[in-house]
């Protein structure tokens, strides 16, 4: 690609970081994929997202900000993040990064990474913390997989009444798991409800519920919440999900709250993407929207 000194690439804004360095925003890859219910090569996605940042500048016309005013450090990838030992390594790494970072973004990998990243954000105060998920699925399955992180966090001590699930889709969950979500008191805003509501209104409600305990909030962005036409690299995405623009708005609005301390972006198999890399590029823009919300 040709270079233009007057057109700064977002990939150049992202610089390598070392533990102990202060930064406004920290990113790390969490290339988990081995416990995924659907076959996936999601472990290749963090590298693909880093490359996709070269397609974008640091300027937000809508908000009138140049992201270069923020420090954005890349702490590399968590090593071998699958399984209990891998999750422990990821949690420890996120905890160390968070000591000197204003906000941490974990780029997956499959949705199992939500458990390890959120666990670091919550620390010993998990009972008072909150979770917001953008996902077509409840992720309350039994066992350890990309379908179980919400259940596992609840078992660890997260109050289910401080959980908000946005974008839950028809024909993507069983009645048993839907009943489990209702019995636990999880606050569900299904895909159908989003058709008649503005993102800002939805986010005010979500942040109020997730923040009721007064603790930190983690935001899980499972990209399969989107319509399959815009995220072909998400194995479980279905027709009728939310638009890419809606998800970008939600990412920005989530980051406006200083109670939100971490995000994860998951469920993209970069190797299954279309030639135009529309799914991976969406993930890159989500990072930029999150950063803009933190400006």
C-alpha atoms as a PDB file:
ATOM      1  CA  UNK A   1       0.000   0.000   0.000  1.00  0.00           C
ATOM      2  CA  UNK A   2       1.159   3.510  -0.759  1.00  0.00           C
ATOM      3  CA  UNK A   3       1.906   5.768   2.189  1.00  0.00           C
ATOM      4  CA  UNK A   4       0.766   9.340   2.743  1.00  0.00           C
ATOM      5  CA  UNK A   5       2.122  11.364   5.654  1.00  0.00           C
ATOM      6  CA  UNK A   6      -1.193  13.224   5.791  1.00  0.00           C
ATOM      7  CA  UNK A   7      -3.229   9.991   6.078  1.00  0.00           C
ATOM      8  CA  UNK A   8      -2.073   8.250   9.292  1.00  0.00           C
ATOM      9  CA  UNK A   9      -2.897   4.550   9.446  1.00  0.00           C
ATOM     10  CA  UNK A  10      -4.468   3.097  12.565  1.00  0.00           C
ATOM     11  CA  UNK A  11      -1.974   0.241  12.366  1.00  0.00           C
ATOM     12  CA  UNK A  12       0.853   2.737  12.929  1.00  0.00           C
ATOM     13  CA  UNK A  13      -0.959   4.183  15.948  1.00  0.00           C
ATOM     14  CA  UNK A  14      -0.938   0.697  17.537  1.00  0.00           C
ATOM     15  CA  UNK A  15       2.546   0.205  18.973  1.00  0.00           C
ATOM     16  CA  UNK A  16       4.176  -2.674  20.828  1.00  0.00           C
ATOM     17  CA  UNK A  17       3.848  -2.431  24.589  1.00  0.00           C
ATOM     18  CA  UNK A  18       5.665  -3.911  27.561  1.00  0.00           C
ATOM     19  CA  UNK A  19       4.152  -4.750  30.927  1.00  0.00           C
ATOM     20  CA  UNK A  20       4.288  -1.774  33.234  1.00  0.00           C
ATOM     21  CA  UNK A  21       3.828   0.825  30.493  1.00  0.00           C
ATOM     22  CA  UNK A  22       0.991   3.284  30.969  1.00  0.00           C
ATOM     23  CA  UNK A  23      -1.552   3.577  28.160  1.00  0.00           C
ATOM     24  CA  UNK A  24      -5.083   4.707  27.509  1.00  0.00           C
ATOM     25  CA  UNK A  25      -6.005   1.544  25.606  1.00  0.00           C
ATOM     26  CA  UNK A  26      -4.336  -1.864  25.618  1.00  0.00           C
ATOM     27  CA  UNK A  27      -4.941  -4.672  23.165  1.00  0.00           C
ATOM     28  CA  UNK A  28      -3.969  -8.312  23.341  1.00  0.00           C
ATOM     29  CA  UNK A  29      -4.812 -11.320  21.233  1.00  0.00           C
ATOM     30  CA  UNK A  30      -6.432 -14.353  22.872  1.00  0.00           C
ATOM     31  CA  UNK A  31      -6.297 -16.973  20.101  1.00  0.00           C
ATOM     32  CA  UNK A  32      -8.437 -19.666  21.759  1.00  0.00           C
ATOM     33  CA  UNK A  33     -10.216 -22.119  19.464  1.00  0.00           C
ATOM     34  CA  UNK A  34      -9.857 -25.707  20.677  1.00  0.00           C
ATOM     35  CA  UNK A  35     -13.103 -25.951  22.667  1.00  0.00           C
ATOM     36  CA  UNK A  36     -15.301 -24.303  20.045  1.00  0.00           C
ATOM     37  CA  UNK A  37     -18.608 -26.060  19.361  1.00  0.00           C
ATOM     38  CA  UNK A  38     -18.344 -25.150  15.668  1.00  0.00           C
ATOM     39  CA  UNK A  39     -15.124 -25.964  13.853  1.00  0.00           C
ATOM     40  CA  UNK A  40     -13.053 -22.807  13.653  1.00  0.00           C
ATOM     41  CA  UNK A  41      -9.607 -21.405  12.983  1.00  0.00           C
ATOM     42  CA  UNK A  42     -10.288 -18.409  15.188  1.00  0.00           C
ATOM     43  CA  UNK A  43      -6.742 -18.575  16.528  1.00  0.00           C
ATOM     44  CA  UNK A  44      -5.607 -16.775  13.370  1.00  0.00           C
ATOM     45  CA  UNK A  45      -7.909 -13.820  13.890  1.00  0.00           C
ATOM     46  CA  UNK A  46      -5.882 -11.522  16.208  1.00  0.00           C
ATOM     47  CA  UNK A  47      -3.090 -11.291  13.618  1.00  0.00           C
ATOM     48  CA  UNK A  48      -5.611 -10.639  10.836  1.00  0.00           C
ATOM     49  CA  UNK A  49      -7.277  -7.843  12.820  1.00  0.00           C
ATOM     50  CA  UNK A  50      -3.935  -6.150  13.421  1.00  0.00           C
ATOM     51  CA  UNK A  51      -3.284  -6.178   9.676  1.00  0.00           C
ATOM     52  CA  UNK A  52      -6.789  -4.860   8.953  1.00  0.00           C
ATOM     53  CA  UNK A  53      -6.109  -1.752  11.028  1.00  0.00           C
ATOM     54  CA  UNK A  54      -3.870  -0.614   8.165  1.00  0.00           C
ATOM     55  CA  UNK A  55      -7.039  -0.078   6.112  1.00  0.00           C
ATOM     56  CA  UNK A  56      -8.262   2.660   8.449  1.00  0.00           C
ATOM     57  CA  UNK A  57      -7.149   6.079   9.595  1.00  0.00           C
ATOM     58  CA  UNK A  58      -7.268   7.471  13.126  1.00  0.00           C
ATOM     59  CA  UNK A  59      -9.781  10.231  12.352  1.00  0.00           C
ATOM     60  CA  UNK A  60     -13.440  10.038  13.390  1.00  0.00           C
ATOM     61  CA  UNK A  61     -15.417  12.539  11.360  1.00  0.00           C
ATOM     62  CA  UNK A  62     -18.590  11.940  13.360  1.00  0.00           C
ATOM     63  CA  UNK A  63     -16.974  12.770  16.688  1.00  0.00           C
ATOM     64  CA  UNK A  64     -14.265  15.118  15.459  1.00  0.00           C
ATOM     65  CA  UNK A  65     -11.368  13.315  17.141  1.00  0.00           C
ATOM     66  CA  UNK A  66      -7.981  12.015  16.085  1.00  0.00           C
ATOM     67  CA  UNK A  67      -7.263   8.839  18.022  1.00  0.00           C
ATOM     68  CA  UNK A  68      -3.541   9.526  17.954  1.00  0.00           C
ATOM     69  CA  UNK A  69      -4.138  11.708  21.001  1.00  0.00           C
ATOM     70  CA  UNK A  70      -4.630   8.451  22.913  1.00  0.00           C
ATOM     71  CA  UNK A  71      -1.879   5.932  23.635  1.00  0.00           C
ATOM     72  CA  UNK A  72      -2.681   2.484  22.199  1.00  0.00           C
ATOM     73  CA  UNK A  73      -0.378  -0.419  23.057  1.00  0.00           C
ATOM     74  CA  UNK A  74      -0.333  -3.969  21.726  1.00  0.00           C
ATOM     75  CA  UNK A  75       0.747  -6.575  24.268  1.00  0.00           C
ATOM     76  CA  UNK A  76       0.890  -9.445  21.822  1.00  0.00           C
ATOM     77  CA  UNK A  77      -0.959 -12.730  22.222  1.00  0.00           C
ATOM     78  CA  UNK A  78      -1.708 -14.833  25.256  1.00  0.00           C
ATOM     79  CA  UNK A  79       0.253 -18.065  24.834  1.00  0.00           C
ATOM     80  CA  UNK A  80      -1.734 -21.278  24.372  1.00  0.00           C
ATOM     81  CA  UNK A  81      -4.939 -19.807  25.863  1.00  0.00           C
ATOM     82  CA  UNK A  82      -7.130 -22.931  25.652  1.00  0.00           C
ATOM     83  CA  UNK A  83      -7.905 -25.048  28.702  1.00  0.00           C
ATOM     84  CA  UNK A  84      -7.663 -24.218  32.420  1.00  0.00           C
ATOM     85  CA  UNK A  85      -3.929 -23.469  32.395  1.00  0.00           C
ATOM     86  CA  UNK A  86      -4.256 -21.340  29.282  1.00  0.00           C
ATOM     87  CA  UNK A  87      -7.143 -19.406  30.822  1.00  0.00           C
ATOM     88  CA  UNK A  88      -5.069 -18.819  33.939  1.00  0.00           C
ATOM     89  CA  UNK A  89      -2.263 -17.403  31.797  1.00  0.00           C
ATOM     90  CA  UNK A  90      -4.686 -15.109  29.988  1.00  0.00           C
ATOM     91  CA  UNK A  91      -6.278 -13.877  33.223  1.00  0.00           C
ATOM     92  CA  UNK A  92      -2.856 -13.181  34.719  1.00  0.00           C
ATOM     93  CA  UNK A  93      -1.747 -11.300  31.601  1.00  0.00           C
ATOM     94  CA  UNK A  94      -4.907  -9.177  31.467  1.00  0.00           C
ATOM     95  CA  UNK A  95      -4.585  -8.436  35.184  1.00  0.00           C
ATOM     96  CA  UNK A  96      -1.006  -7.239  34.707  1.00  0.00           C
ATOM     97  CA  UNK A  97      -1.915  -5.114  31.684  1.00  0.00           C
ATOM     98  CA  UNK A  98      -4.903  -3.570  33.468  1.00  0.00           C
ATOM     99  CA  UNK A  99      -2.686  -2.201  36.249  1.00  0.00           C
ATOM    100  CA  UNK A 100      -1.409   0.526  33.907  1.00  0.00           C
ATOM    101  CA  UNK A 101      -4.069   0.620  31.139  1.00  0.00           C
ATOM    102  CA  UNK A 102      -7.264   2.619  31.121  1.00  0.00           C
ATOM    103  CA  UNK A 103      -9.078  -0.003  29.054  1.00  0.00           C
ATOM    104  CA  UNK A 104      -8.200  -3.520  27.869  1.00  0.00           C
ATOM    105  CA  UNK A 105      -9.461  -5.068  24.621  1.00  0.00           C
ATOM    106  CA  UNK A 106      -9.018  -8.823  24.156  1.00  0.00           C
ATOM    107  CA  UNK A 107      -9.268  -9.937  20.534  1.00  0.00           C
ATOM    108  CA  UNK A 108     -10.290 -13.575  20.091  1.00  0.00           C
ATOM    109  CA  UNK A 109     -10.339 -16.358  19.375  1.00  0.00           C
ATOM    110  CA  UNK A 110     -13.673 -17.949  20.138  1.00  0.00           C
ATOM    111  CA  UNK A 111     -16.133 -16.835  22.788  1.00  0.00           C
ATOM    112  CA  UNK A 112     -14.525 -18.939  25.505  1.00  0.00           C
ATOM    113  CA  UNK A 113     -12.057 -16.054  25.981  1.00  0.00           C
ATOM    114  CA  UNK A 114     -14.792 -14.011  27.685  1.00  0.00           C
ATOM    115  CA  UNK A 115     -14.309 -16.061  30.836  1.00  0.00           C
ATOM    116  CA  UNK A 116     -10.585 -15.421  31.170  1.00  0.00           C
ATOM    117  CA  UNK A 117     -10.684 -11.726  30.232  1.00  0.00           C
ATOM    118  CA  UNK A 118     -13.720 -10.844  32.360  1.00  0.00           C
ATOM    119  CA  UNK A 119     -12.344 -12.794  35.337  1.00  0.00           C
ATOM    120  CA  UNK A 120      -9.293 -10.519  35.316  1.00  0.00           C
ATOM    121  CA  UNK A 121     -11.484  -7.411  35.170  1.00  0.00           C
ATOM    122  CA  UNK A 122     -13.630  -8.545  38.086  1.00  0.00           C
ATOM    123  CA  UNK A 123     -10.874  -9.692  40.432  1.00  0.00           C
ATOM    124  CA  UNK A 124     -12.072 -10.382  43.968  1.00  0.00           C
ATOM    125  CA  UNK A 125     -15.065  -8.056  43.544  1.00  0.00           C
ATOM    126  CA  UNK A 126     -16.928 -10.278  41.069  1.00  0.00           C
ATOM    127  CA  UNK A 127     -20.187 -10.324  43.050  1.00  0.00           C
ATOM    128  CA  UNK A 128     -20.605  -6.578  42.483  1.00  0.00           C
ATOM    129  CA  UNK A 129     -19.474  -6.513  38.844  1.00  0.00           C
ATOM    130  CA  UNK A 130     -21.464  -6.555  35.622  1.00  0.00           C
ATOM    131  CA  UNK A 131     -21.457  -8.116  32.174  1.00  0.00           C
ATOM    132  CA  UNK A 132     -22.947  -6.894  28.897  1.00  0.00           C
ATOM    133  CA  UNK A 133     -22.963  -9.304  25.970  1.00  0.00           C
ATOM    134  CA  UNK A 134     -23.751  -8.588  22.334  1.00  0.00           C
ATOM    135  CA  UNK A 135     -24.523 -12.096  21.211  1.00  0.00           C
ATOM    136  CA  UNK A 136     -27.123 -14.212  19.453  1.00  0.00           C
ATOM    137  CA  UNK A 137     -26.652 -16.861  22.159  1.00  0.00           C
ATOM    138  CA  UNK A 138     -27.031 -17.093  25.944  1.00  0.00           C
ATOM    139  CA  UNK A 139     -23.701 -18.935  26.429  1.00  0.00           C
ATOM    140  CA  UNK A 140     -25.097 -20.857  29.390  1.00  0.00           C
ATOM    141  CA  UNK A 141     -24.216 -24.335  28.115  1.00  0.00           C
ATOM    142  CA  UNK A 142     -22.788 -27.073  30.290  1.00  0.00           C
ATOM    143  CA  UNK A 143     -19.082 -27.894  30.119  1.00  0.00           C
ATOM    144  CA  UNK A 144     -16.237 -25.678  28.958  1.00  0.00           C
ATOM    145  CA  UNK A 145     -16.583 -24.282  25.453  1.00  0.00           C
ATOM    146  CA  UNK A 146     -17.324 -21.101  23.542  1.00  0.00           C
ATOM    147  CA  UNK A 147     -20.955 -21.710  24.549  1.00  0.00           C
ATOM    148  CA  UNK A 148     -20.380 -21.623  28.308  1.00  0.00           C
ATOM    149  CA  UNK A 149     -18.529 -18.481  29.479  1.00  0.00           C
ATOM    150  CA  UNK A 150     -21.570 -16.734  30.974  1.00  0.00           C
ATOM    151  CA  UNK A 151     -22.544 -19.809  32.992  1.00  0.00           C
ATOM    152  CA  UNK A 152     -18.969 -20.194  34.220  1.00  0.00           C
ATOM    153  CA  UNK A 153     -18.751 -16.566  35.330  1.00  0.00           C
ATOM    154  CA  UNK A 154     -22.008 -16.966  37.268  1.00  0.00           C
ATOM    155  CA  UNK A 155     -20.622 -20.071  38.954  1.00  0.00           C
ATOM    156  CA  UNK A 156     -17.532 -18.040  39.843  1.00  0.00           C
ATOM    157  CA  UNK A 157     -19.721 -15.523  41.673  1.00  0.00           C
ATOM    158  CA  UNK A 158     -21.033 -13.014  39.101  1.00  0.00           C
ATOM    159  CA  UNK A 159     -24.559 -11.913  40.006  1.00  0.00           C
ATOM    160  CA  UNK A 160     -26.776 -12.921  37.041  1.00  0.00           C
ATOM    161  CA  UNK A 161     -29.029  -9.942  37.757  1.00  0.00           C
ATOM    162  CA  UNK A 162     -26.076  -7.754  36.698  1.00  0.00           C
ATOM    163  CA  UNK A 163     -25.893  -9.434  33.284  1.00  0.00           C
ATOM    164  CA  UNK A 164     -27.446  -7.907  30.165  1.00  0.00           C
ATOM    165  CA  UNK A 165     -27.643  -9.886  26.922  1.00  0.00           C
ATOM    166  CA  UNK A 166     -28.317  -7.798  23.815  1.00  0.00           C
ATOM    167  CA  UNK A 167     -29.226  -9.287  20.431  1.00  0.00           C
ATOM    168  CA  UNK A 168     -30.387 -12.754  21.528  1.00  0.00           C
ATOM    169  CA  UNK A 169     -31.725 -14.354  18.365  1.00  0.00           C
ATOM    170  CA  UNK A 170     -34.655 -16.578  17.485  1.00  0.00           C
ATOM    171  CA  UNK A 171     -33.786 -20.198  16.649  1.00  0.00           C
ATOM    172  CA  UNK A 172     -30.284 -19.809  18.126  1.00  0.00           C
ATOM    173  CA  UNK A 173     -31.015 -21.084  21.655  1.00  0.00           C
ATOM    174  CA  UNK A 174     -32.915 -23.968  23.193  1.00  0.00           C
ATOM    175  CA  UNK A 175     -35.978 -23.507  25.416  1.00  0.00           C
ATOM    176  CA  UNK A 176     -33.983 -25.080  28.252  1.00  0.00           C
ATOM    177  CA  UNK A 177     -31.241 -22.457  28.120  1.00  0.00           C
ATOM    178  CA  UNK A 178     -33.758 -19.661  27.595  1.00  0.00           C
ATOM    179  CA  UNK A 179     -35.555 -20.811  30.738  1.00  0.00           C
ATOM    180  CA  UNK A 180     -32.231 -20.939  32.569  1.00  0.00           C
ATOM    181  CA  UNK A 181     -31.560 -17.309  31.603  1.00  0.00           C
ATOM    182  CA  UNK A 182     -35.010 -16.267  32.827  1.00  0.00           C
ATOM    183  CA  UNK A 183     -34.737 -18.234  36.080  1.00  0.00           C
ATOM    184  CA  UNK A 184     -31.347 -16.650  36.789  1.00  0.00           C
ATOM    185  CA  UNK A 185     -32.756 -13.170  36.254  1.00  0.00           C
ATOM    186  CA  UNK A 186     -30.521 -12.257  33.313  1.00  0.00           C
ATOM    187  CA  UNK A 187     -31.754  -9.101  31.582  1.00  0.00           C
ATOM    188  CA  UNK A 188     -32.372 -10.038  27.936  1.00  0.00           C
ATOM    189  CA  UNK A 189     -32.900  -7.498  25.151  1.00  0.00           C
ATOM    190  CA  UNK A 190     -33.578  -9.733  22.129  1.00  0.00           C
ATOM    191  CA  UNK A 191     -32.878  -8.948  18.514  1.00  0.00           C
ATOM    192  CA  UNK A 192     -36.585  -8.341  17.908  1.00  0.00           C
ATOM    193  CA  UNK A 193     -36.685  -5.546  20.522  1.00  0.00           C
ATOM    194  CA  UNK A 194     -33.806  -3.704  18.848  1.00  0.00           C
ATOM    195  CA  UNK A 195     -35.854  -3.069  15.710  1.00  0.00           C
ATOM    196  CA  UNK A 196     -37.914  -0.420  17.490  1.00  0.00           C
ATOM    197  CA  UNK A 197     -35.310   1.052  19.841  1.00  0.00           C
ATOM    198  CA  UNK A 198     -32.398   3.437  19.438  1.00  0.00           C
ATOM    199  CA  UNK A 199     -28.927   2.176  20.416  1.00  0.00           C
ATOM    200  CA  UNK A 200     -28.440   5.019  22.896  1.00  0.00           C
ATOM    201  CA  UNK A 201     -31.609   4.114  24.764  1.00  0.00           C
ATOM    202  CA  UNK A 202     -30.643   0.436  24.840  1.00  0.00           C
ATOM    203  CA  UNK A 203     -27.174   1.206  26.178  1.00  0.00           C
ATOM    204  CA  UNK A 204     -28.470   3.449  28.952  1.00  0.00           C
ATOM    205  CA  UNK A 205     -30.650   0.580  30.122  1.00  0.00           C
ATOM    206  CA  UNK A 206     -27.845  -1.969  29.808  1.00  0.00           C
ATOM    207  CA  UNK A 207     -25.297   0.102  31.712  1.00  0.00           C
ATOM    208  CA  UNK A 208     -27.780   0.796  34.489  1.00  0.00           C
ATOM    209  CA  UNK A 209     -28.520  -2.916  34.972  1.00  0.00           C
ATOM    210  CA  UNK A 210     -24.924  -4.116  34.603  1.00  0.00           C
ATOM    211  CA  UNK A 211     -23.649  -1.367  36.872  1.00  0.00           C
ATOM    212  CA  UNK A 212     -26.177  -1.893  39.662  1.00  0.00           C
ATOM    213  CA  UNK A 213     -23.607  -3.557  41.909  1.00  0.00           C
ATOM    214  CA  UNK A 214     -21.152  -0.678  41.634  1.00  0.00           C
ATOM    215  CA  UNK A 215     -18.270  -2.778  40.292  1.00  0.00           C
ATOM    216  CA  UNK A 216     -16.421  -3.008  37.002  1.00  0.00           C
ATOM    217  CA  UNK A 217     -18.239  -3.948  33.790  1.00  0.00           C
ATOM    218  CA  UNK A 218     -16.925  -6.228  31.042  1.00  0.00           C
ATOM    219  CA  UNK A 219     -18.403  -6.083  27.530  1.00  0.00           C
ATOM    220  CA  UNK A 220     -18.389  -9.191  25.360  1.00  0.00           C
ATOM    221  CA  UNK A 221     -18.845  -8.541  21.630  1.00  0.00           C
ATOM    222  CA  UNK A 222     -19.594 -11.846  19.952  1.00  0.00           C
ATOM    223  CA  UNK A 223     -19.654 -10.717  16.337  1.00  0.00           C
ATOM    224  CA  UNK A 224     -22.135 -13.453  15.364  1.00  0.00           C
ATOM    225  CA  UNK A 225     -24.788 -11.128  16.786  1.00  0.00           C
ATOM    226  CA  UNK A 226     -24.672  -9.537  13.316  1.00  0.00           C
ATOM    227  CA  UNK A 227     -26.516 -10.536  10.169  1.00  0.00           C
ATOM    228  CA  UNK A 228     -24.643 -13.312   8.381  1.00  0.00           C
ATOM    229  CA  UNK A 229     -24.329 -11.210   5.229  1.00  0.00           C
ATOM    230  CA  UNK A 230     -21.957  -8.827   7.015  1.00  0.00           C
ATOM    231  CA  UNK A 231     -20.066 -11.425   9.077  1.00  0.00           C
ATOM    232  CA  UNK A 232     -19.556 -14.509   6.891  1.00  0.00           C
ATOM    233  CA  UNK A 233     -16.511 -15.477   8.979  1.00  0.00           C
ATOM    234  CA  UNK A 234     -18.671 -16.071  12.075  1.00  0.00           C
ATOM    235  CA  UNK A 235     -19.651 -19.770  12.025  1.00  0.00           C
ATOM    236  CA  UNK A 236     -22.866 -19.337  14.028  1.00  0.00           C
ATOM    237  CA  UNK A 237     -24.135 -16.077  12.504  1.00  0.00           C
ATOM    238  CA  UNK A 238     -27.637 -16.272  11.027  1.00  0.00           C
ATOM    239  CA  UNK A 239     -29.716 -14.147   8.648  1.00  0.00           C
ATOM    240  CA  UNK A 240     -31.574 -11.411  10.456  1.00  0.00           C
ATOM    241  CA  UNK A 241     -28.946 -10.339  12.988  1.00  0.00           C
ATOM    242  CA  UNK A 242     -28.085  -6.719  13.690  1.00  0.00           C
ATOM    243  CA  UNK A 243     -26.255  -4.588  11.150  1.00  0.00           C
ATOM    244  CA  UNK A 244     -22.567  -3.747  11.186  1.00  0.00           C
ATOM    245  CA  UNK A 245     -23.488  -0.120  11.769  1.00  0.00           C
ATOM    246  CA  UNK A 246     -25.603  -1.001  14.806  1.00  0.00           C
ATOM    247  CA  UNK A 247     -22.763  -3.007  16.328  1.00  0.00           C
ATOM    248  CA  UNK A 248     -20.319  -0.158  15.720  1.00  0.00           C
ATOM    249  CA  UNK A 249     -22.686   2.225  17.518  1.00  0.00           C
ATOM    250  CA  UNK A 250     -23.027  -0.171  20.437  1.00  0.00           C
ATOM    251  CA  UNK A 251     -19.242  -0.529  20.716  1.00  0.00           C
ATOM    252  CA  UNK A 252     -18.818   3.261  20.848  1.00  0.00           C
ATOM    253  CA  UNK A 253     -21.651   3.788  23.313  1.00  0.00           C
ATOM    254  CA  UNK A 254     -20.402   1.028  25.626  1.00  0.00           C
ATOM    255  CA  UNK A 255     -16.979   2.624  25.854  1.00  0.00           C
ATOM    256  CA  UNK A 256     -18.402   5.978  26.964  1.00  0.00           C
ATOM    257  CA  UNK A 257     -18.895   4.587  30.462  1.00  0.00           C
ATOM    258  CA  UNK A 258     -15.785   4.646  32.646  1.00  0.00           C
ATOM    259  CA  UNK A 259     -17.302   1.732  34.543  1.00  0.00           C
ATOM    260  CA  UNK A 260     -16.503  -0.425  31.514  1.00  0.00           C
ATOM    261  CA  UNK A 261     -12.936  -1.638  32.019  1.00  0.00           C
ATOM    262  CA  UNK A 262     -12.589  -4.316  29.354  1.00  0.00           C
ATOM    263  CA  UNK A 263     -13.959  -5.695  26.088  1.00  0.00           C
ATOM    264  CA  UNK A 264     -13.553  -8.849  24.114  1.00  0.00           C
ATOM    265  CA  UNK A 265     -14.233  -9.252  20.388  1.00  0.00           C
ATOM    266  CA  UNK A 266     -14.816 -12.890  19.456  1.00  0.00           C
ATOM    267  CA  UNK A 267     -16.140 -15.649  17.202  1.00  0.00           C
ATOM    268  CA  UNK A 268     -14.449 -14.627  13.942  1.00  0.00           C
ATOM    269  CA  UNK A 269     -12.627 -17.240  11.880  1.00  0.00           C
ATOM    270  CA  UNK A 270     -10.409 -15.069   9.707  1.00  0.00           C
ATOM    271  CA  UNK A 271      -9.615 -17.996   7.407  1.00  0.00           C
ATOM    272  CA  UNK A 272     -13.325 -18.331   6.553  1.00  0.00           C
ATOM    273  CA  UNK A 273     -13.774 -14.665   5.671  1.00  0.00           C
ATOM    274  CA  UNK A 274     -14.652 -13.406   2.200  1.00  0.00           C
ATOM    275  CA  UNK A 275     -12.023 -11.972  -0.108  1.00  0.00           C
ATOM    276  CA  UNK A 276     -12.935  -8.443   0.955  1.00  0.00           C
ATOM    277  CA  UNK A 277     -12.314  -9.384   4.616  1.00  0.00           C
ATOM    278  CA  UNK A 278     -15.586  -7.805   5.662  1.00  0.00           C
ATOM    279  CA  UNK A 279     -15.752  -9.621   9.027  1.00  0.00           C
ATOM    280  CA  UNK A 280     -12.157  -8.958  10.054  1.00  0.00           C
ATOM    281  CA  UNK A 281     -12.469  -5.351   8.939  1.00  0.00           C
ATOM    282  CA  UNK A 282     -15.573  -4.975  11.081  1.00  0.00           C
ATOM    283  CA  UNK A 283     -13.572  -6.197  14.080  1.00  0.00           C
ATOM    284  CA  UNK A 284     -10.916  -3.574  13.344  1.00  0.00           C
ATOM    285  CA  UNK A 285     -13.531  -0.808  13.191  1.00  0.00           C
ATOM    286  CA  UNK A 286     -15.012  -2.008  16.488  1.00  0.00           C
ATOM    287  CA  UNK A 287     -11.624  -1.387  18.103  1.00  0.00           C
ATOM    288  CA  UNK A 288     -11.589   2.114  16.643  1.00  0.00           C
ATOM    289  CA  UNK A 289     -15.148   2.809  17.803  1.00  0.00           C
ATOM    290  CA  UNK A 290     -14.280   1.633  21.318  1.00  0.00           C
ATOM    291  CA  UNK A 291     -11.234   3.893  21.344  1.00  0.00           C
ATOM    292  CA  UNK A 292     -13.347   6.823  20.163  1.00  0.00           C
ATOM    293  CA  UNK A 293     -15.743   6.270  23.043  1.00  0.00           C
ATOM    294  CA  UNK A 294     -12.808   6.569  25.400  1.00  0.00           C
ATOM    295  CA  UNK A 295     -11.538   9.846  23.902  1.00  0.00           C
END
